[in-house]
C-alpha atoms as a PDB file:
ATOM      1  CA  UNK A   1     127.346 -35.264  77.453  1.00  0.00           C
ATOM      2  CA  UNK A   2     127.383 -33.765  73.884  1.00  0.00           C
ATOM      3  CA  UNK A   3     130.603 -35.619  72.976  1.00  0.00           C
ATOM      4  CA  UNK A   4     128.998 -38.887  74.053  1.00  0.00           C
ATOM      5  CA  UNK A   5     125.907 -38.107  71.786  1.00  0.00           C
ATOM      6  CA  UNK A   6     128.145 -37.225  68.884  1.00  0.00           C
ATOM      7  CA  UNK A   7     130.153 -40.423  69.446  1.00  0.00           C
ATOM      8  CA  UNK A   8     126.979 -42.395  69.362  1.00  0.00           C
ATOM      9  CA  UNK A   9     125.904 -40.830  66.057  1.00  0.00           C
ATOM     10  CA  UNK A  10     129.317 -41.291  64.586  1.00  0.00           C
ATOM     11  CA  UNK A  11     129.359 -45.037  65.619  1.00  0.00           C
ATOM     12  CA  UNK A  12     126.014 -45.472  63.757  1.00  0.00           C
ATOM     13  CA  UNK A  13     127.309 -44.061  60.363  1.00  0.00           C
ATOM     14  CA  UNK A  14     130.303 -42.145  59.209  1.00  0.00           C
ATOM     15  CA  UNK A  15     129.744 -38.664  57.802  1.00  0.00           C
ATOM     16  CA  UNK A  16     129.664 -38.688  54.060  1.00  0.00           C
ATOM     17  CA  UNK A  17     131.563 -36.180  52.280  1.00  0.00           C
ATOM     18  CA  UNK A  18     130.999 -35.353  48.491  1.00  0.00           C
ATOM     19  CA  UNK A  19     134.426 -33.949  47.479  1.00  0.00           C
ATOM     20  CA  UNK A  20     134.791 -32.020  44.236  1.00  0.00           C
ATOM     21  CA  UNK A  21     138.490 -31.444  43.460  1.00  0.00           C
ATOM     22  CA  UNK A  22     139.998 -31.432  39.804  1.00  0.00           C
ATOM     23  CA  UNK A  23     143.622 -31.718  40.925  1.00  0.00           C
ATOM     24  CA  UNK A  24     144.063 -35.427  40.985  1.00  0.00           C
ATOM     25  CA  UNK A  25     147.098 -35.385  43.608  1.00  0.00           C
ATOM     26  CA  UNK A  26     145.318 -33.082  45.889  1.00  0.00           C
ATOM     27  CA  UNK A  27     142.104 -35.118  45.723  1.00  0.00           C
ATOM     28  CA  UNK A  28     143.885 -38.251  46.469  1.00  0.00           C
ATOM     29  CA  UNK A  29     145.753 -36.772  49.444  1.00  0.00           C
ATOM     30  CA  UNK A  30     142.548 -35.173  50.822  1.00  0.00           C
ATOM     31  CA  UNK A  31     140.432 -38.354  50.311  1.00  0.00           C
ATOM     32  CA  UNK A  32     143.045 -40.616  52.076  1.00  0.00           C
ATOM     33  CA  UNK A  33     143.370 -37.976  54.945  1.00  0.00           C
ATOM     34  CA  UNK A  34     139.507 -37.695  55.263  1.00  0.00           C
ATOM     35  CA  UNK A  35     139.026 -41.456  55.343  1.00  0.00           C
ATOM     36  CA  UNK A  36     141.812 -41.601  58.097  1.00  0.00           C
ATOM     37  CA  UNK A  37     139.821 -39.165  60.036  1.00  0.00           C
ATOM     38  CA  UNK A  38     136.685 -41.314  59.948  1.00  0.00           C
ATOM     39  CA  UNK A  39     134.769 -39.808  57.074  1.00  0.00           C
ATOM     40  CA  UNK A  40     133.366 -41.617  54.119  1.00  0.00           C
ATOM     41  CA  UNK A  41     134.358 -39.860  50.782  1.00  0.00           C
ATOM     42  CA  UNK A  42     132.488 -39.763  47.449  1.00  0.00           C
ATOM     43  CA  UNK A  43     135.017 -38.100  45.221  1.00  0.00           C
ATOM     44  CA  UNK A  44     134.247 -36.263  42.003  1.00  0.00           C
ATOM     45  CA  UNK A  45     136.767 -34.883  39.410  1.00  0.00           C
ATOM     46  CA  UNK A  46     134.932 -31.476  38.983  1.00  0.00           C
ATOM     47  CA  UNK A  47     131.530 -29.763  39.693  1.00  0.00           C
ATOM     48  CA  UNK A  48     129.640 -31.410  37.029  1.00  0.00           C
ATOM     49  CA  UNK A  49     130.751 -34.904  38.217  1.00  0.00           C
ATOM     50  CA  UNK A  50     129.582 -33.974  41.609  1.00  0.00           C
ATOM     51  CA  UNK A  51     126.137 -32.825  40.388  1.00  0.00           C
ATOM     52  CA  UNK A  52     125.887 -36.164  38.383  1.00  0.00           C
ATOM     53  CA  UNK A  53     126.682 -38.231  41.435  1.00  0.00           C
ATOM     54  CA  UNK A  54     124.173 -36.372  43.388  1.00  0.00           C
ATOM     55  CA  UNK A  55     121.492 -36.877  40.678  1.00  0.00           C
ATOM     56  CA  UNK A  56     122.390 -40.500  40.490  1.00  0.00           C
ATOM     57  CA  UNK A  57     121.515 -40.841  44.132  1.00  0.00           C
ATOM     58  CA  UNK A  58     124.865 -40.809  45.761  1.00  0.00           C
ATOM     59  CA  UNK A  59     124.226 -40.106  49.464  1.00  0.00           C
ATOM     60  CA  UNK A  60     126.268 -37.383  51.303  1.00  0.00           C
ATOM     61  CA  UNK A  61     126.027 -35.172  54.327  1.00  0.00           C
ATOM     62  CA  UNK A  62     128.004 -32.293  53.212  1.00  0.00           C
ATOM     63  CA  UNK A  63     129.912 -30.881  50.265  1.00  0.00           C
ATOM     64  CA  UNK A  64     133.611 -30.182  50.126  1.00  0.00           C
ATOM     65  CA  UNK A  65     134.575 -28.265  46.942  1.00  0.00           C
ATOM     66  CA  UNK A  66     137.324 -26.390  45.227  1.00  0.00           C
ATOM     67  CA  UNK A  67     136.208 -23.260  43.589  1.00  0.00           C
ATOM     68  CA  UNK A  68     138.144 -23.211  40.246  1.00  0.00           C
ATOM     69  CA  UNK A  69     137.152 -26.370  38.356  1.00  0.00           C
ATOM     70  CA  UNK A  70     136.454 -27.100  34.567  1.00  0.00           C
ATOM     71  CA  UNK A  71     132.996 -27.746  33.416  1.00  0.00           C
ATOM     72  CA  UNK A  72     131.178 -26.496  36.541  1.00  0.00           C
ATOM     73  CA  UNK A  73     132.962 -24.247  39.100  1.00  0.00           C
ATOM     74  CA  UNK A  74     132.514 -24.572  42.893  1.00  0.00           C
ATOM     75  CA  UNK A  75     130.202 -21.467  43.241  1.00  0.00           C
ATOM     76  CA  UNK A  76     127.770 -22.861  40.639  1.00  0.00           C
ATOM     77  CA  UNK A  77     128.069 -26.336  42.228  1.00  0.00           C
ATOM     78  CA  UNK A  78     126.967 -25.037  45.495  1.00  0.00           C
ATOM     79  CA  UNK A  79     124.020 -23.173  44.006  1.00  0.00           C
ATOM     80  CA  UNK A  80     122.950 -26.341  42.079  1.00  0.00           C
ATOM     81  CA  UNK A  81     123.143 -28.695  45.184  1.00  0.00           C
ATOM     82  CA  UNK A  82     121.543 -26.090  47.414  1.00  0.00           C
ATOM     83  CA  UNK A  83     118.571 -25.501  45.054  1.00  0.00           C
ATOM     84  CA  UNK A  84     117.450 -29.008  46.349  1.00  0.00           C
ATOM     85  CA  UNK A  85     119.045 -28.972  49.682  1.00  0.00           C
ATOM     86  CA  UNK A  86     119.237 -25.445  51.141  1.00  0.00           C
ATOM     87  CA  UNK A  87     120.653 -26.677  54.427  1.00  0.00           C
ATOM     88  CA  UNK A  88     123.401 -28.514  52.821  1.00  0.00           C
ATOM     89  CA  UNK A  89     126.703 -27.834  54.867  1.00  0.00           C
ATOM     90  CA  UNK A  90     129.593 -26.744  52.739  1.00  0.00           C
ATOM     91  CA  UNK A  91     133.293 -26.287  52.985  1.00  0.00           C
ATOM     92  CA  UNK A  92     135.106 -24.529  50.272  1.00  0.00           C
ATOM     93  CA  UNK A  93     138.866 -25.000  49.656  1.00  0.00           C
ATOM     94  CA  UNK A  94     140.466 -22.673  47.210  1.00  0.00           C
ATOM     95  CA  UNK A  95     143.757 -20.790  46.404  1.00  0.00           C
ATOM     96  CA  UNK A  96     141.558 -17.861  45.114  1.00  0.00           C
ATOM     97  CA  UNK A  97     139.180 -16.866  47.741  1.00  0.00           C
ATOM     98  CA  UNK A  98     136.622 -14.271  46.601  1.00  0.00           C
ATOM     99  CA  UNK A  99     137.502 -10.625  47.707  1.00  0.00           C
ATOM    100  CA  UNK A 100     134.051 -10.461  49.347  1.00  0.00           C
ATOM    101  CA  UNK A 101     134.681 -13.634  51.398  1.00  0.00           C
ATOM    102  CA  UNK A 102     132.391 -16.482  52.186  1.00  0.00           C
ATOM    103  CA  UNK A 103     129.378 -14.302  51.811  1.00  0.00           C
ATOM    104  CA  UNK A 104     129.925 -14.213  47.948  1.00  0.00           C
ATOM    105  CA  UNK A 105     129.510 -18.070  47.908  1.00  0.00           C
ATOM    106  CA  UNK A 106     126.492 -18.253  50.252  1.00  0.00           C
ATOM    107  CA  UNK A 107     123.362 -19.594  48.708  1.00  0.00           C
ATOM    108  CA  UNK A 108     120.557 -21.384  50.884  1.00  0.00           C
ATOM    109  CA  UNK A 109     120.715 -21.405  54.678  1.00  0.00           C
ATOM    110  CA  UNK A 110     123.216 -24.118  55.283  1.00  0.00           C
ATOM    111  CA  UNK A 111     126.578 -23.415  57.063  1.00  0.00           C
ATOM    112  CA  UNK A 112     129.529 -22.724  54.871  1.00  0.00           C
ATOM    113  CA  UNK A 113     133.214 -22.269  55.643  1.00  0.00           C
ATOM    114  CA  UNK A 114     135.882 -21.055  53.418  1.00  0.00           C
ATOM    115  CA  UNK A 115     139.461 -22.396  53.686  1.00  0.00           C
ATOM    116  CA  UNK A 116     142.415 -21.134  51.815  1.00  0.00           C
ATOM    117  CA  UNK A 117     144.755 -23.449  50.012  1.00  0.00           C
ATOM    118  CA  UNK A 118     147.333 -24.683  50.742  1.00  0.00           C
ATOM    119  CA  UNK A 119     145.267 -26.042  53.643  1.00  0.00           C
ATOM    120  CA  UNK A 120     146.649 -28.587  56.283  1.00  0.00           C
ATOM    121  CA  UNK A 121     144.481 -31.490  57.088  1.00  0.00           C
ATOM    122  CA  UNK A 122     143.735 -30.649  60.562  1.00  0.00           C
ATOM    123  CA  UNK A 123     142.208 -27.281  59.657  1.00  0.00           C
ATOM    124  CA  UNK A 124     140.218 -28.976  56.839  1.00  0.00           C
ATOM    125  CA  UNK A 125     138.914 -31.599  59.111  1.00  0.00           C
ATOM    126  CA  UNK A 126     138.072 -29.154  61.691  1.00  0.00           C
ATOM    127  CA  UNK A 127     136.166 -27.030  59.100  1.00  0.00           C
ATOM    128  CA  UNK A 128     134.144 -30.147  57.963  1.00  0.00           C
ATOM    129  CA  UNK A 129     133.317 -31.136  61.589  1.00  0.00           C
ATOM    130  CA  UNK A 130     132.356 -27.423  62.236  1.00  0.00           C
ATOM    131  CA  UNK A 131     129.989 -27.296  59.436  1.00  0.00           C
ATOM    132  CA  UNK A 132     128.507 -30.894  60.071  1.00  0.00           C
ATOM    133  CA  UNK A 133     128.024 -29.854  63.731  1.00  0.00           C
ATOM    134  CA  UNK A 134     126.304 -26.612  62.804  1.00  0.00           C
ATOM    135  CA  UNK A 135     123.838 -28.371  60.596  1.00  0.00           C
ATOM    136  CA  UNK A 136     122.633 -30.713  63.334  1.00  0.00           C
ATOM    137  CA  UNK A 137     119.554 -29.485  64.920  1.00  0.00           C
ATOM    138  CA  UNK A 138     120.063 -28.359  68.480  1.00  0.00           C
ATOM    139  CA  UNK A 139     123.931 -28.214  68.021  1.00  0.00           C
ATOM    140  CA  UNK A 140     125.516 -25.391  69.908  1.00  0.00           C
END
C-alpha cells in the first residue's frame, strides 16, 4: 500500500533536489544520475549560489550538498537554509566527514544523512530517498 501511495505522489511531481557541488565534473555526473533516477535537479556551483537560488524562489524539496566549497561551505549552507525551513531534508556528500559525524552538521529538526565520497550513485539515491521519506508526515 505504501509503495502505491509513494508512486502516486511521485507521479504527481518529481522530487526537486537543490544540489550544491563545486567540482564541475562531479556535479555533472551526479546531476545526470539523479535525473535518470527520476529527480529534478536545481544545480548550484557552491553554497552561496544555492542560497541565492533559494532566495530567488527556486523551489526544492531537499538539499544535497558538499561540505568543502568556496564562498559558503556546506555546514553554513545547511544552517542558512534551515533557518527558514527547519524541517528541510539534507544529504551531505563529502570526502572530509566531520570527526563528530552527522551530529556536527545537524541544525533544525529535519532528517540529515552523511555519505562519504567517493560515493556510488545507488547509495546516494538511497540516501536522498531515505531523507525525503523521513520528512513525509506519517512515513515509517
